[in-house]
Protein backbone atom coordinates (compact mmCIF):
# COMPACT_ATOMS: atom_id res chain seq x y z
CA MET A 1 5.21 -30.24 0.25
CA GLU A 2 4.37 -27.60 -2.53
CA PHE A 3 6.47 -25.57 -4.48
CA CYS A 4 5.85 -21.93 -4.53
CA SER A 5 4.71 -20.18 -8.05
CA VAL A 6 6.54 -17.42 -7.66
CA CYS A 7 9.82 -18.26 -6.27
CA GLY A 8 10.01 -22.06 -6.83
CA LYS A 9 11.08 -22.72 -3.46
CA LYS A 10 9.43 -25.48 -1.21
CA SER A 11 7.11 -24.26 1.06
CA LEU A 12 5.54 -26.41 4.04
CA MET A 13 2.41 -24.38 4.58
CA PRO A 14 1.76 -22.21 0.98
CA GLU A 15 -1.24 -20.18 0.76
CA GLU A 16 -3.45 -21.46 -2.42
CA TYR A 17 -5.17 -19.06 -4.72
CA GLY A 18 -6.58 -20.95 -7.52
CA ASN A 19 -3.86 -23.26 -9.24
CA SER A 20 -1.02 -21.24 -7.91
CA CYS A 21 0.51 -21.37 -4.53
CA LEU A 22 2.77 -18.95 -2.48
CA CYS A 23 5.36 -19.33 0.06
CA LYS A 24 5.48 -17.38 3.20
CA ILE A 25 7.85 -15.11 1.96
CA CYS A 26 5.88 -14.34 -1.44
CA SER A 27 2.61 -13.86 0.27
CA MET A 28 4.21 -11.08 2.59
CA LYS A 29 5.44 -9.20 -0.78
CA ILE A 30 1.66 -8.80 -1.49
CA LEU A 31 0.80 -8.49 2.41
CA SER A 32 -1.83 -11.54 2.33
CA PRO A 33 -2.38 -11.57 6.08
CA THR A 34 -3.89 -7.90 5.80
CA TRP A 35 -6.62 -9.48 3.23
CA LYS A 36 -7.01 -12.80 2.73
CA ASN A 37 -9.57 -13.61 5.58
CA LYS A 38 -11.12 -10.37 5.62
CA GLU A 39 -14.74 -9.78 5.13
CA TYR A 40 -15.77 -7.05 2.74
CA SER A 41 -19.10 -5.04 2.92
CA THR A 42 -19.24 -4.05 -0.49
CA ASN A 43 -18.22 -5.29 -4.01
CA GLU A 44 -16.19 -2.03 -4.60
CA GLU A 45 -14.49 -2.64 -1.23
CA ILE A 46 -13.28 -6.05 -2.68
CA GLU A 47 -12.58 -4.27 -6.23
CA LYS A 48 -10.30 -1.69 -4.45
CA GLN A 49 -8.37 -4.33 -2.72
CA LYS A 50 -7.80 -6.48 -5.86
CA GLU A 51 -6.41 -3.38 -7.51
CA ILE A 52 -3.82 -2.87 -4.53
CA VAL A 53 -2.90 -6.78 -4.50
CA MET A 54 -2.39 -6.58 -8.32
CA LYS A 55 -0.27 -3.37 -8.38
CA ASN A 56 1.76 -5.01 -5.80
CA ALA A 57 2.29 -8.42 -7.53
CA ALA A 58 3.34 -6.95 -10.59
CA GLU A 59 5.99 -4.87 -9.04
CA ASN A 60 7.12 -7.77 -7.28
CA GLY A 61 7.58 -9.47 -10.36
CA PHE A 62 4.76 -12.33 -10.02
CA PRO A 63 4.05 -14.39 -13.30
CA THR A 64 0.59 -13.50 -14.88
CA LYS A 65 -0.63 -16.85 -14.14
CA VAL A 66 -0.14 -15.99 -10.56
CA ILE A 67 -1.81 -12.22 -11.00
CA ASN A 68 -4.38 -14.10 -12.71
CA ASP A 69 -5.51 -16.45 -10.04
CA LEU A 70 -5.41 -13.76 -7.33
CA ALA A 71 -7.67 -11.55 -9.76
CA ASP A 72 -10.07 -14.74 -9.43
CA PHE A 73 -9.58 -14.91 -5.95
CA PHE A 74 -11.39 -11.48 -5.39
CA THR A 75 -13.70 -12.32 -8.18
CA SER A 76 -15.30 -15.17 -6.15
CA LYS A 77 -15.99 -12.98 -3.19
CA LYS A 78 -17.89 -10.88 -5.10
CA VAL A 79 -21.72 -11.03 -4.79
CA GLU A 80 -24.13 -10.18 -7.58
CA GLY A 81 -25.95 -6.77 -6.95
CA LEU A 82 -24.42 -6.52 -3.30
CA VAL A 83 -25.34 -3.43 -1.74
CA LYS A 84 -24.15 -4.09 1.61
CA ASN A 85 -22.68 -7.05 3.87
CA PHE A 86 -24.33 -6.47 7.74
CA ASP A 87 -23.20 -8.20 10.71
CA GLY A 88 -26.05 -7.75 13.12
CA HIS A 89 -23.71 -9.05 16.21
CA SER A 90 -26.61 -11.54 16.93
CA GLY A 91 -25.06 -14.37 15.29
CA GLN A 92 -26.86 -13.50 11.76
CA LYS A 93 -25.17 -11.59 9.06
CA MET A 94 -27.25 -10.40 6.02
CA ALA A 95 -25.63 -9.91 2.35
CA VAL A 96 -28.26 -7.12 1.26
CA CYS A 97 -28.36 -6.98 -2.68
CA ASP A 98 -30.53 -5.17 -5.15
CA SER A 99 -33.53 -7.94 -5.52
CA TYR A 100 -32.47 -10.33 -2.61
CA CYS A 101 -30.83 -10.58 0.20
CA ILE A 102 -28.94 -13.83 1.92
CA ILE A 103 -29.45 -14.37 5.31
CA ASN A 104 -26.64 -16.69 7.52
CA THR A 105 -27.42 -17.49 10.70
CA THR A 106 -24.39 -19.00 12.20
CA GLY A 107 -23.41 -21.20 15.20
CA LYS A 108 -22.84 -17.96 17.45
CA PHE A 109 -26.55 -17.27 17.36
CA ASP A 110 -28.03 -18.08 20.73
CA TYR A 111 -31.34 -19.32 20.02
CA LYS A 112 -32.70 -19.34 23.88
CA GLU A 113 -31.38 -16.01 24.44
CA ILE A 114 -33.17 -14.23 21.32
CA GLU A 115 -36.18 -16.06 21.71
CA LYS A 116 -36.83 -14.64 25.07
CA ALA A 117 -36.01 -11.03 23.92
CA TYR A 118 -38.22 -11.46 20.79
CA LEU A 119 -41.28 -12.86 22.99
CA LYS A 120 -40.73 -9.89 25.09
CA LEU A 121 -40.44 -7.49 21.86
CA MET A 122 -43.94 -9.07 21.11
CA ILE A 123 -45.34 -7.54 24.18
CA PRO A 124 -46.25 -4.04 23.90
CA GLU A 125 -46.48 -3.66 27.74
CA GLU A 126 -43.07 -4.83 28.46
CA ARG A 127 -41.27 -2.67 25.79
CA GLY A 128 -38.50 -0.94 27.20
CA GLN A 129 -38.49 -2.27 30.73
CA LYS A 130 -35.50 -3.96 32.16
CA PRO A 131 -35.31 -7.76 31.24
CA SER A 132 -36.25 -9.83 34.11
CA VAL A 133 -33.89 -12.59 35.38
CA ASP A 134 -37.10 -15.00 35.22
CA MET A 135 -38.96 -14.43 31.97
CA LEU A 136 -42.02 -15.20 33.45
CA ASP A 137 -41.70 -12.40 35.97
CA GLY A 138 -41.65 -9.95 33.17
CA LEU A 139 -45.04 -11.84 31.31
CA LYS A 140 -47.28 -12.67 34.38
CA THR A 141 -48.86 -9.34 35.10
CA THR A 142 -49.78 -8.57 31.48
CA GLN A 143 -53.18 -9.06 30.30
CA LYS A 144 -52.36 -11.02 27.21
CA ALA A 145 -49.88 -13.45 29.10
CA VAL A 146 -52.90 -13.64 31.64
CA ASP A 147 -55.27 -14.56 29.03
CA ILE A 148 -53.37 -16.94 27.41
CA ILE A 149 -52.23 -19.15 30.82
CA GLY A 150 -55.99 -18.97 31.56
CA ASP A 151 -56.92 -20.40 27.92
CA VAL A 152 -54.46 -22.85 28.29
CA VAL A 153 -54.29 -24.19 31.64
CA GLY A 154 -58.14 -23.28 32.36
CA ASP A 155 -59.15 -27.22 31.84
CA ILE A 156 -55.95 -28.49 33.60
CA LEU A 157 -56.03 -26.74 36.81
CA PRO A 158 -59.09 -25.12 39.15
CA VAL A 159 -60.11 -21.71 38.46
CA LYS A 160 -59.48 -20.95 42.07
CA GLY A 161 -55.96 -19.48 43.06
CA SER A 162 -53.60 -16.74 41.29
CA LEU A 163 -52.07 -17.06 37.77
CA LYS A 164 -48.94 -17.19 39.57
CA ARG A 165 -49.68 -20.51 41.47
CA GLN A 166 -51.23 -22.12 38.35
CA ILE A 167 -47.60 -21.02 36.56
CA VAL A 168 -45.88 -22.78 39.71
CA LYS A 169 -48.10 -25.86 39.52
CA THR A 170 -48.15 -26.41 35.73
CA GLY A 171 -44.48 -25.48 35.28
CA LYS A 172 -42.82 -22.37 34.43
CA SER A 173 -41.48 -24.07 31.27
CA PHE A 174 -44.84 -25.20 30.22
CA ALA A 175 -46.35 -21.68 30.72
CA LEU A 176 -43.65 -19.81 28.59
CA LYS A 177 -44.06 -22.42 25.93
CA ALA A 178 -47.50 -21.58 25.61
CA ILE A 179 -47.21 -18.08 25.93
CA SER A 180 -44.70 -18.17 22.90
CA GLU A 181 -46.82 -20.33 20.83
CA GLN A 182 -49.77 -18.05 21.05
CA LEU A 183 -47.81 -15.19 20.11
CA SER A 184 -46.05 -16.55 17.46
CA GLY A 185 -48.33 -18.88 15.92
CA GLY A 186 -46.42 -21.97 16.31
CA THR A 187 -44.40 -24.15 18.51
CA LYS A 188 -41.06 -22.36 18.23
CA ALA A 189 -41.17 -18.43 18.75
CA MET A 190 -39.12 -17.62 15.88
CA ARG A 191 -39.65 -20.10 13.08
CA GLY A 192 -38.67 -17.37 10.66
CA VAL A 193 -34.98 -18.27 11.55
CA GLN A 194 -33.00 -21.14 9.90
CA TRP A 195 -29.52 -22.22 10.43
CA GLY A 196 -26.97 -21.60 7.52
CA GLU A 197 -27.29 -19.51 4.54
CA ARG A 198 -31.00 -18.60 3.25
CA LEU A 199 -31.80 -16.48 0.31
CA VAL A 200 -34.89 -14.13 0.18
CA ASP A 201 -36.19 -12.91 -2.68
CA TYR A 202 -37.74 -9.56 -2.37
CA GLY A 203 -40.33 -10.53 -5.05
CA GLU A 204 -41.81 -13.28 -3.02
CA TYR A 205 -42.89 -10.57 0.30
CA GLN A 206 -45.17 -7.65 0.48
CA ILE A 207 -44.83 -6.60 4.05
CA VAL A 208 -41.39 -5.31 5.70
CA LYS A 209 -41.46 -4.16 9.26
CA PHE A 210 -38.84 -3.04 11.62
CA VAL A 211 -38.32 -3.15 15.51
CA GLU A 212 -35.91 -1.19 17.19
CA PRO A 213 -34.70 -1.94 20.81
CA VAL A 214 -35.41 0.54 23.13
CA GLY A 215 -34.40 0.91 26.83
CA LYS A 216 -32.53 -2.06 27.92
CA GLU A 217 -33.33 -4.21 25.43
CA ALA A 218 -30.66 -6.37 23.70
CA TYR A 219 -32.05 -7.09 20.11
CA GLY A 220 -34.28 -5.27 17.37
CA PHE A 221 -35.20 -7.14 14.28
CA ILE A 222 -36.22 -7.04 10.70
CA ARG A 223 -38.96 -8.97 9.35
CA LEU A 224 -40.27 -9.78 5.77
CA GLN A 225 -43.48 -11.32 5.56
CA LYS A 226 -46.16 -12.20 2.72
CA SER A 227 -49.36 -10.52 2.55
CA GLU A 228 -51.53 -13.51 2.46
CA TYR A 229 -49.76 -15.18 5.76
CA GLU A 230 -49.25 -12.04 7.73
CA GLU A 231 -50.77 -13.49 11.04
CA ASP A 232 -48.65 -16.83 10.50
CA SER A 233 -45.00 -16.66 11.57
CA GLU A 234 -44.27 -19.95 9.51
CA GLU A 235 -43.84 -17.73 6.50
CA ASP A 236 -41.71 -14.96 8.15
CA ILE A 237 -38.05 -14.07 7.56
CA LEU A 238 -36.64 -12.84 10.95
CA PHE A 239 -33.10 -10.91 10.84
CA PHE A 240 -31.94 -10.10 14.24
CA PHE A 241 -29.49 -6.83 15.09
CA SER A 242 -27.98 -5.72 18.70
CA SER A 243 -28.68 -2.89 20.59
CA ASP A 244 -25.85 -1.04 19.69
CA GLU A 245 -26.29 2.38 18.30
CA ASP A 246 -23.96 1.99 15.05
CA ILE A 247 -25.46 -1.65 14.39
CA LYS A 248 -28.84 -0.27 14.69
CA ASN A 249 -28.61 2.72 12.87
CA GLU A 250 -27.13 0.83 9.97
CA ALA A 251 -29.90 -1.85 10.25
CA LYS A 252 -32.42 1.02 9.82
CA VAL A 253 -30.91 2.16 6.91
CA LEU A 254 -30.79 -1.26 5.37
CA TYR A 255 -34.63 -1.85 6.62
CA GLU A 256 -35.46 1.29 4.27
CA PHE A 257 -33.65 -0.16 1.25
CA ILE A 258 -35.32 -3.51 1.58
CA ARG A 259 -38.77 -1.77 2.02
CA LYS A 260 -38.17 0.30 -0.89
CA ARG A 261 -36.92 -2.51 -3.03
CA VAL A 262 -39.81 -4.74 -2.17
CA LYS A 263 -42.30 -1.90 -3.26
CA VAL A 264 -40.40 -1.00 -6.40
CA ILE A 265 -40.56 -4.49 -7.33
CA LYS A 266 -44.06 -5.19 -6.73
CA GLU A 267 -45.13 -1.85 -8.82
CA GLU A 268 -42.78 -3.14 -11.60
CA SER A 269 -44.70 -6.35 -11.34
CA GLU A 270 -47.74 -4.88 -11.59
CA ILE A 271 -47.16 -2.44 -14.26
CA SER A 272 -45.72 -5.59 -16.40
CA ASN A 273 -49.13 -7.47 -15.96
CA ARG A 274 -51.36 -4.51 -16.77
CA ALA A 275 -52.19 -2.95 -20.35
CA PRO A 276 -53.67 0.26 -20.20
CA SER A 277 -57.23 0.11 -21.81
CA SER A 278 -57.13 3.52 -23.91
CA GLN A 279 -53.63 2.29 -25.61
CA MET A 280 -55.20 -1.27 -26.27
CA GLY A 281 -58.44 0.03 -28.33
CA SER A 282 -55.93 2.36 -30.59
CA VAL A 283 -53.35 -0.60 -30.97
CA GLN A 284 -56.31 -3.13 -31.85
CA SER A 285 -57.28 -0.41 -34.39
CA ALA A 286 -53.84 0.16 -35.82
CA SER A 287 -53.17 -3.58 -35.90
CA GLN A 288 -56.14 -4.21 -37.72
CA GLN A 289 -55.59 -1.44 -40.39
CA HIS A 290 -52.55 -3.50 -40.97
CA GLY A 291 -53.80 -7.23 -40.76
CA GLU A 292 -52.00 -8.20 -37.54
CA ALA A 293 -53.50 -9.84 -34.59
CA PRO A 294 -54.84 -7.96 -32.03
CA GLU A 295 -53.44 -9.78 -29.16
CA ALA A 296 -50.01 -9.89 -30.32
CA ALA A 297 -50.04 -6.02 -30.97
CA VAL A 298 -51.55 -5.59 -27.40
CA GLU A 299 -48.73 -7.45 -26.08
CA THR A 300 -45.94 -5.56 -27.78
CA VAL A 301 -47.45 -2.22 -26.48
CA SER A 302 -48.20 -3.54 -23.12
CA LEU A 303 -44.36 -4.67 -22.89
CA SER A 304 -42.93 -1.48 -24.21
CA VAL A 305 -44.82 0.60 -21.90
CA ALA A 306 -43.38 -1.18 -19.14
CA ASP A 307 -39.99 -1.37 -20.53
CA GLU A 308 -39.92 2.68 -20.52
CA ILE A 309 -41.25 2.78 -17.13
CA LEU A 310 -38.68 0.90 -15.72
CA LYS A 311 -36.25 2.88 -17.69
CA PHE A 312 -37.25 5.94 -16.10
CA LYS A 313 -37.28 4.01 -12.61
CA GLN A 314 -33.62 3.12 -13.24
CA LEU A 315 -32.92 6.50 -13.93
CA LEU A 316 -34.66 8.11 -10.63
CA ASP A 317 -32.64 5.15 -8.78
CA MET A 318 -29.67 6.79 -9.95
CA GLY A 319 -30.62 10.28 -9.13
CA ALA A 320 -30.53 11.53 -12.93
CA ILE A 321 -34.24 12.55 -12.10
CA THR A 322 -36.48 13.64 -9.90
CA GLN A 323 -39.19 11.67 -8.01
CA GLU A 324 -41.71 14.48 -9.63
CA GLU A 325 -40.14 13.94 -13.31
CA TYR A 326 -40.53 10.40 -12.75
CA ASP A 327 -44.34 10.40 -11.46
CA ALA A 328 -45.06 12.58 -14.43
CA LYS A 329 -43.51 10.21 -17.07
CA LYS A 330 -45.25 7.57 -15.43
CA LYS A 331 -48.29 9.23 -15.45
CA GLN A 332 -48.28 10.30 -19.07
CA LEU A 333 -47.09 6.65 -20.25
CA LEU A 334 -50.02 5.05 -18.37
CA ASP A 335 -52.29 7.78 -19.78
CA LEU A 336 -53.86 8.35 -16.49
């Protein structure tokens, strides 16, 4: 049995915040049931809730130590650089941050159901059609499926007979697996999905795609790919979201944010690795006059130019300057 850190009374089921314990009565004074298990969308939401709780705790005479432990509780919930916490209502959640995201695939993710939906999304002829009770009913008439089954089972079954009879003889599960493998490049249709939390660094990816659900389709997805592995799904990152209109719209906004951040990070990396030739020449001349090592001087100017461009990019992201002003300054700095 614990003692409440505020009133000192015994509590059978106290709420713990760091090294502080609160009994039910004291926890109600700061309305803990309304926020202790809440999922927050942004760090700003967490900070606002923290301020409310701190105010209530102070007004109710909570000791400083307890107030500090409550403050630490909210601080621990913050994610560095967090832009938005997003629930795709597919069993996957995404914490979208400035330079990375964290995708959490939970036990609620129905792999078989979403795999079928994903396979359908990958066949253009099937887009927007009503989902079939039998997945193969929606695939066996598409040319791509016909070609795949023909290649896979052609050596096993006689050429005579329709594709439908071949599928029946071979087995529906085998046929579906064959189509999945051919379309996704692997033994599983969605190797871009991993259980649990997965940190995705934008700097490691160059391609971001968005597939929006249409018609009766239940899911859409955001995909991040490495340019050298664009045709190999093993290196893909997949995040699925439901076709609910609000969820779909929010997913599109976050996709645009991630796509722009991937592009910006790539540009910044290119700038930091490049030194303008015209400035290199002038720096070498100046450094030689002062007896400096040319290589050191070139490196200094290259970094300073990159730093200046990054500063103006930050101003652009903050809305302090326009895109035209940023482009003009960037062109000036690079001496283009």
